[in-house]
Protein backbone atom coordinates (compact mmCIF):
# COMPACT_ATOMS: atom_id res chain seq x y z
CA UNK A 1 0.00 0.00 0.00
CA UNK A 2 1.26 3.45 -0.92
CA UNK A 3 1.70 6.24 1.60
CA UNK A 4 -0.98 8.34 -0.10
CA UNK A 5 -3.48 5.47 0.19
CA UNK A 6 -2.68 5.03 3.89
CA UNK A 7 -3.08 8.76 4.55
CA UNK A 8 -6.38 8.74 2.69
CA UNK A 9 -7.58 5.80 4.76
CA UNK A 10 -6.61 7.60 7.99
CA UNK A 11 -8.45 10.71 6.80
CA UNK A 12 -11.60 8.73 6.02
CA UNK A 13 -11.47 6.74 9.27
CA UNK A 14 -10.38 9.62 11.47
CA UNK A 15 -12.72 8.52 14.24
CA UNK A 16 -10.79 5.25 14.70
CA UNK A 17 -7.52 7.18 14.82
CA UNK A 18 -9.01 9.62 17.33
CA UNK A 19 -10.12 6.73 19.53
CA UNK A 20 -6.59 5.31 19.32
CA UNK A 21 -5.11 8.64 20.38
CA UNK A 22 -7.41 8.83 23.39
CA UNK A 23 -6.59 5.27 24.41
CA UNK A 24 -2.88 6.01 23.93
CA UNK A 25 -3.13 9.00 26.25
CA UNK A 26 -4.81 6.85 28.89
CA UNK A 27 -2.24 4.08 28.50
CA UNK A 28 0.65 6.54 28.81
CA UNK A 29 -0.83 8.04 31.96
CA UNK A 30 -1.29 4.57 33.47
CA UNK A 31 2.28 3.51 32.66
CA UNK A 32 3.68 6.74 34.10
CA UNK A 33 1.91 6.05 37.39
CA UNK A 34 2.71 2.33 37.50
CA UNK A 35 6.42 2.53 36.64
CA UNK A 36 8.27 4.19 39.53
CA UNK A 37 11.29 6.44 39.02
CA UNK A 38 14.75 5.20 39.86
CA UNK A 39 16.76 6.58 42.77
CA UNK A 40 20.52 6.44 42.30
CA UNK A 41 23.28 6.84 44.85
CA UNK A 42 27.03 6.72 44.25
CA UNK A 43 29.96 6.50 46.64
CA UNK A 44 33.72 6.32 46.04
CA UNK A 45 36.45 4.67 48.12
CA UNK A 46 40.22 5.08 47.95
CA UNK A 47 42.77 2.38 48.72
CA UNK A 48 45.80 3.55 50.73
CA UNK A 49 48.94 1.54 51.46
CA UNK A 50 49.88 0.53 55.01
CA UNK A 51 52.05 2.82 57.07
CA UNK A 52 54.79 0.17 57.37
CA UNK A 53 55.18 0.05 53.59
CA UNK A 54 55.86 3.79 53.29
CA UNK A 55 59.02 5.74 54.00
CA UNK A 56 59.17 7.57 57.29
CA UNK A 57 57.01 10.66 57.30
CA UNK A 58 56.00 10.03 53.63
CA UNK A 59 52.75 11.19 52.09
CA UNK A 60 50.62 8.05 51.52
CA UNK A 61 48.74 9.63 48.61
CA UNK A 62 51.97 9.69 46.63
CA UNK A 63 52.15 5.92 46.75
CA UNK A 64 48.70 4.86 45.52
CA UNK A 65 49.89 4.29 41.94
CA UNK A 66 50.59 0.61 42.48
CA UNK A 67 47.27 -0.18 44.19
CA UNK A 68 45.12 -0.35 41.04
CA UNK A 69 45.86 -4.08 40.90
CA UNK A 70 44.49 -4.47 44.43
CA UNK A 71 41.39 -2.54 43.40
CA UNK A 72 40.81 -4.89 40.45
CA UNK A 73 41.17 -7.92 42.75
CA UNK A 74 38.74 -6.44 45.24
CA UNK A 75 36.14 -5.75 42.53
CA UNK A 76 36.33 -9.36 41.41
CA UNK A 77 36.12 -10.57 45.00
CA UNK A 78 32.53 -9.26 45.21
CA UNK A 79 30.56 -11.93 43.38
CA UNK A 80 27.10 -11.85 41.83
CA UNK A 81 25.79 -14.03 44.66
CA UNK A 82 26.85 -11.38 47.18
CA UNK A 83 24.95 -8.70 45.22
CA UNK A 84 21.85 -10.89 44.99
CA UNK A 85 21.89 -11.49 48.73
CA UNK A 86 22.17 -7.76 49.41
CA UNK A 87 19.28 -6.81 47.09
CA UNK A 88 16.98 -9.65 48.08
CA UNK A 89 14.70 -7.46 50.13
CA UNK A 90 14.57 -4.72 47.50
CA UNK A 91 13.12 -5.94 44.18
CA UNK A 92 14.40 -4.01 41.18
CA UNK A 93 17.51 -2.73 42.90
CA UNK A 94 20.79 -2.91 40.98
CA UNK A 95 24.38 -2.59 42.18
CA UNK A 96 27.55 -1.71 40.28
CA UNK A 97 31.07 -2.01 41.72
CA UNK A 98 33.96 -0.92 39.49
CA UNK A 99 37.39 0.69 39.52
CA UNK A 100 37.93 4.22 38.34
CA UNK A 101 40.27 3.78 35.40
CA UNK A 102 41.47 7.38 35.53
CA UNK A 103 42.27 7.42 39.25
CA UNK A 104 43.69 3.92 39.49
CA UNK A 105 43.13 2.96 43.19
CA UNK A 106 39.62 4.50 43.45
CA UNK A 107 36.60 2.23 43.63
CA UNK A 108 33.15 3.38 42.52
CA UNK A 109 30.01 1.88 44.05
CA UNK A 110 26.65 2.77 42.44
CA UNK A 111 23.21 1.65 43.57
CA UNK A 112 19.82 2.10 41.85
CA UNK A 113 16.51 1.32 43.59
CA UNK A 114 12.81 2.13 43.36
CA UNK A 115 12.86 4.24 46.53
CA UNK A 116 15.30 6.60 48.15
CA UNK A 117 15.43 4.58 51.35
CA UNK A 118 16.16 1.34 49.52
CA UNK A 119 19.01 2.97 47.58
CA UNK A 120 20.58 4.29 50.80
CA UNK A 121 20.31 0.96 52.57
CA UNK A 122 21.75 -1.11 49.73
CA UNK A 123 24.63 1.32 49.25
CA UNK A 124 25.67 1.07 52.91
CA UNK A 125 25.59 -2.71 52.71
CA UNK A 126 27.75 -2.80 49.57
CA UNK A 127 30.36 -0.46 51.10
CA UNK A 128 30.52 -2.63 54.19
CA UNK A 129 30.89 -5.73 52.04
CA UNK A 130 33.81 -4.12 50.16
CA UNK A 131 35.78 -3.51 53.39
CA UNK A 132 34.90 -7.00 54.60
CA UNK A 133 36.24 -8.63 51.43
CA UNK A 134 39.50 -6.66 51.60
CA UNK A 135 39.96 -7.76 55.20
CA UNK A 136 39.33 -11.40 54.32
CA UNK A 137 41.90 -11.30 51.49
CA UNK A 138 44.60 -9.85 53.77
CA UNK A 139 43.76 -12.30 56.55
CA UNK A 140 44.33 -15.18 54.16
CA UNK A 141 47.85 -13.85 53.45
CA UNK A 142 48.51 -13.18 57.13
CA UNK A 143 49.53 -9.62 56.52
CA UNK A 144 50.50 -7.65 59.60
CA UNK A 145 48.20 -4.84 60.64
CA UNK A 146 50.85 -2.20 59.96
CA UNK A 147 51.22 -3.30 56.35
CA UNK A 148 47.53 -3.74 55.55
CA UNK A 149 45.81 -1.68 52.83
CA UNK A 150 43.10 0.59 54.09
CA UNK A 151 39.80 1.71 52.48
CA UNK A 152 39.29 5.44 52.89
CA UNK A 153 35.98 7.19 52.01
CA UNK A 154 36.24 9.82 49.30
CA UNK A 155 32.60 10.74 48.60
CA UNK A 156 29.31 9.66 50.14
CA UNK A 157 25.92 10.48 48.64
CA UNK A 158 23.64 12.18 51.13
CA UNK A 159 20.66 12.24 48.72
CA UNK A 160 19.55 10.16 45.81
CA UNK A 161 19.37 11.38 42.24
CA UNK A 162 15.98 10.74 40.64
CA UNK A 163 16.33 9.15 37.23
CA UNK A 164 13.21 9.34 35.04
CA UNK A 165 14.82 7.88 31.91
CA UNK A 166 13.31 4.39 32.03
CA UNK A 167 9.97 5.73 33.21
CA UNK A 168 9.82 8.14 30.29
CA UNK A 169 10.85 5.45 27.81
CA UNK A 170 8.13 3.07 28.99
CA UNK A 171 5.50 5.81 28.88
CA UNK A 172 6.38 7.01 25.39
CA UNK A 173 6.70 3.45 24.13
CA UNK A 174 3.25 2.49 25.39
CA UNK A 175 1.66 5.58 23.82
CA UNK A 176 3.34 5.06 20.46
CA UNK A 177 2.40 1.38 20.44
CA UNK A 178 -1.28 2.15 21.01
CA UNK A 179 -1.27 4.89 18.35
CA UNK A 180 0.36 2.53 15.85
CA UNK A 181 -2.25 -0.15 16.57
CA UNK A 182 -5.04 2.41 16.11
CA UNK A 183 -3.61 3.57 12.78
CA UNK A 184 -3.28 -0.01 11.54
CA UNK A 185 -6.87 -0.77 12.56
CA UNK A 186 -8.07 2.37 10.76
CA UNK A 187 -6.29 1.41 7.54
CA UNK A 188 -7.47 -2.21 7.69
CA UNK A 189 -11.05 -1.13 8.40
CA UNK A 190 -11.04 1.28 5.48
CA UNK A 191 -9.59 -1.33 3.14
CA UNK A 192 -12.15 -3.93 4.21
CA UNK A 193 -15.13 -1.60 3.86
CA UNK A 194 -14.02 -0.33 0.46
CA UNK A 195 -13.45 -3.88 -0.76
CA UNK A 196 -16.95 -4.87 0.32
CA UNK A 197 -18.41 -1.87 -1.46
CA UNK A 198 -16.57 -2.78 -4.65
CA UNK A 199 -17.83 -6.37 -4.41
CA UNK A 200 -21.42 -5.20 -3.86
CA UNK A 201 -21.13 -2.73 -6.73
CA UNK A 202 -19.77 -5.43 -9.03
CA UNK A 203 -22.56 -7.80 -7.98
CA UNK A 204 -25.13 -5.09 -8.73
CA UNK A 205 -23.64 -4.45 -12.18
CA UNK A 206 -23.68 -8.19 -12.94
CA UNK A 207 -27.30 -8.45 -11.90
CA UNK A 208 -28.25 -5.49 -14.10
CA UNK A 209 -26.32 -6.93 -17.03
CA UNK A 210 -27.97 -10.33 -16.54
CA UNK A 211 -31.40 -8.68 -16.40
CA UNK A 212 -30.66 -6.83 -19.65
CA UNK A 213 -29.53 -10.07 -21.32
CA UNK A 214 -32.69 -11.86 -20.15
CA UNK A 215 -34.85 -9.01 -21.45
CA UNK A 216 -33.09 -9.06 -24.82
CA UNK A 217 -33.36 -12.82 -25.05
CA UNK A 218 -37.07 -12.70 -24.20
CA UNK A 219 -37.74 -10.00 -26.78
CA UNK A 220 -35.54 -11.65 -29.38
CA UNK A 221 -36.44 -15.32 -29.21
CA UNK A 222 -38.21 -16.17 -26.00
CA UNK A 223 -41.69 -15.14 -27.36
CA UNK A 224 -43.40 -16.27 -30.56
CA UNK A 225 -45.25 -14.28 -33.18
CA UNK A 226 -48.32 -13.91 -30.98
CA UNK A 227 -46.44 -12.11 -28.21
CA UNK A 228 -46.66 -14.94 -25.63
CA UNK A 229 -43.97 -17.42 -24.57
CA UNK A 230 -43.89 -20.26 -27.06
CA UNK A 231 -41.68 -21.86 -29.65
CA UNK A 232 -37.99 -20.79 -29.44
CA UNK A 233 -36.58 -18.89 -32.37
CA UNK A 234 -35.22 -21.09 -35.17
CA UNK A 235 -32.49 -19.22 -37.01
CA UNK A 236 -32.78 -21.58 -40.02
CA UNK A 237 -36.36 -20.82 -40.96
CA UNK A 238 -38.63 -22.08 -38.16
CA UNK A 239 -42.41 -22.29 -38.46
CA UNK A 240 -44.37 -19.38 -37.01
CA UNK A 241 -47.41 -19.54 -34.80
CA UNK A 242 -49.91 -19.97 -37.71
CA UNK A 243 -48.04 -22.77 -39.58
CA UNK A 244 -46.26 -20.54 -42.09
CA UNK A 245 -42.57 -20.04 -42.55
CA UNK A 246 -40.45 -16.93 -42.51
CA UNK A 247 -38.48 -17.74 -45.65
CA UNK A 248 -39.37 -21.26 -46.84
CA UNK A 249 -42.64 -21.74 -48.69
CA UNK A 250 -45.05 -24.61 -48.14
CA UNK A 251 -43.87 -26.40 -51.26
CA UNK A 252 -40.22 -26.12 -50.18
CA UNK A 253 -39.10 -24.16 -53.23
CA UNK A 254 -39.95 -20.59 -52.41
CA UNK A 255 -36.79 -19.82 -50.51
CA UNK A 256 -34.45 -21.37 -53.10
CA UNK A 257 -36.15 -19.82 -56.08
CA UNK A 258 -36.80 -16.36 -54.76
CA UNK A 259 -33.98 -15.99 -52.23
CA UNK A 260 -34.52 -13.69 -49.29
CA UNK A 261 -37.84 -11.99 -49.15
CA UNK A 262 -37.94 -8.31 -49.96
CA UNK A 263 -39.27 -5.69 -47.56
CA UNK A 264 -42.45 -5.47 -49.67
CA UNK A 265 -42.99 -9.25 -49.40
CA UNK A 266 -42.43 -9.14 -45.67
CA UNK A 267 -44.94 -6.37 -45.38
CA UNK A 268 -47.67 -8.50 -47.04
CA UNK A 269 -47.05 -11.72 -45.11
CA UNK A 270 -50.04 -11.02 -42.92
CA UNK A 271 -52.34 -11.11 -45.99
CA UNK A 272 -50.63 -14.18 -47.55
CA UNK A 273 -51.15 -16.27 -44.45
CA UNK A 274 -54.96 -15.82 -44.53
CA UNK A 275 -56.76 -18.85 -46.02
CA UNK A 276 -59.41 -18.54 -48.73
CA UNK A 277 -62.06 -19.82 -46.36
CA UNK A 278 -61.69 -16.80 -44.06
CA UNK A 279 -65.04 -15.08 -43.67
CA UNK A 280 -65.36 -11.48 -44.80
CA UNK A 281 -63.55 -9.31 -47.22
CA UNK A 282 -60.14 -7.75 -46.85
CA UNK A 283 -61.66 -4.43 -45.88
CA UNK A 284 -63.78 -6.03 -43.13
CA UNK A 285 -60.92 -7.86 -41.48
CA UNK A 286 -59.75 -6.57 -38.15
CA UNK A 287 -56.16 -5.26 -38.24
CA UNK A 288 -53.78 -7.60 -36.53
CA UNK A 289 -51.21 -6.57 -33.97
CA UNK A 290 -47.72 -6.32 -35.43
CA UNK A 291 -45.78 -9.52 -34.95
CA UNK A 292 -42.88 -8.00 -33.17
CA UNK A 293 -41.10 -11.28 -32.48
CA UNK A 294 -41.42 -12.42 -36.12
CA UNK A 295 -40.24 -9.13 -37.53
CA UNK A 296 -37.24 -9.12 -35.18
CA UNK A 297 -36.37 -12.65 -36.24
CA UNK A 298 -36.61 -11.69 -39.88
CA UNK A 299 -34.36 -8.71 -39.26
CA UNK A 300 -31.73 -10.88 -37.57
CA UNK A 301 -31.83 -13.45 -40.33
CA UNK A 302 -31.60 -10.85 -43.07
CA UNK A 303 -28.59 -9.32 -41.34
CA UNK A 304 -26.80 -12.70 -41.24
CA UNK A 305 -24.33 -13.49 -44.05
CA UNK A 306 -25.66 -17.07 -44.21
CA UNK A 307 -29.12 -18.28 -45.19
CA UNK A 308 -30.80 -21.64 -44.94
CA UNK A 309 -32.12 -22.50 -48.39
CA UNK A 310 -33.58 -25.90 -49.26
CA UNK A 311 -32.39 -27.50 -52.52
CA UNK A 312 -35.70 -29.13 -53.18
CA UNK A 313 -38.92 -30.05 -51.45
CA UNK A 314 -37.70 -33.47 -50.42
CA UNK A 315 -33.99 -32.89 -49.91
CA UNK A 316 -31.93 -31.69 -47.01
CA UNK A 317 -31.36 -27.95 -46.88
CA UNK A 318 -27.96 -26.36 -47.00
CA UNK A 319 -26.45 -23.19 -45.59
CA UNK A 320 -25.13 -20.99 -48.37
CA UNK A 321 -23.36 -17.67 -48.19
CA UNK A 322 -24.97 -14.70 -49.82
CA UNK A 323 -24.17 -11.08 -50.27
CA UNK A 324 -26.20 -8.75 -47.99
CA UNK A 325 -26.01 -6.06 -50.70
CA UNK A 326 -28.02 -8.28 -53.04
CA UNK A 327 -31.05 -7.65 -50.86
């Protein structure tokens, strides 16, 4: 379907499109209220080397360059099972623990939840788990307390950041989906209705054409010379209602000898068919109704390039070609 046809269908079925727009507005409003916003909190932690590993009176921040490997190990020490256990009581909450590539020994902990309180609670639990895992790793290596790496807070989020991105995406997606469905229904409805109208119109034209054919057939050959249904038309010289013939004489030689009857002969057939025993003179006879069926048959036969002409009274007739101009 072309774009112009689709636009025309939407214009004709605007009420379906309008209903789709109203439903889309309602669906978008419902999704906006059902889908909650996301509350995000982020905290950063810095790894510092132990005091025993530094020169006397040295600045510890000048020696954090080699701790990025420890940060990578600590990130991998927090497994997916630990995150699942922490977010069990808060459906929809997500946790991200990573290392800041630019800072090296800085760890970034991000939490997203459906409420501000849930985000704060999960974040505190993840930060505590990070320190716990670092302690467990150093305990396994039996590192002295003076040489142990410490986790120092850099930033702590005191309030959550409201993220409406997913909420907005769901709302807009629901509205667009309903509008698209309404537009498709409008186009399909218009196509179906127009197809039905074309079928009905074609059926009506066929019925009219069939009625015209029946009327022509009835006027042409379905009625006899008397005007009532009777003997079908015989295109080869059939007998009329009073026993006469259109072109073949009673002795079987008239048609062959004289050929097609002239208009004058056809005009006097009504007098030739009257027997001598008829009562009354020619002037006293009642005028007969014109034999419309017979005259139409004669016209069709005279217009045909072939004529049925008997060879003799007792022989089989033959169809011979003749020149219409010879009439």
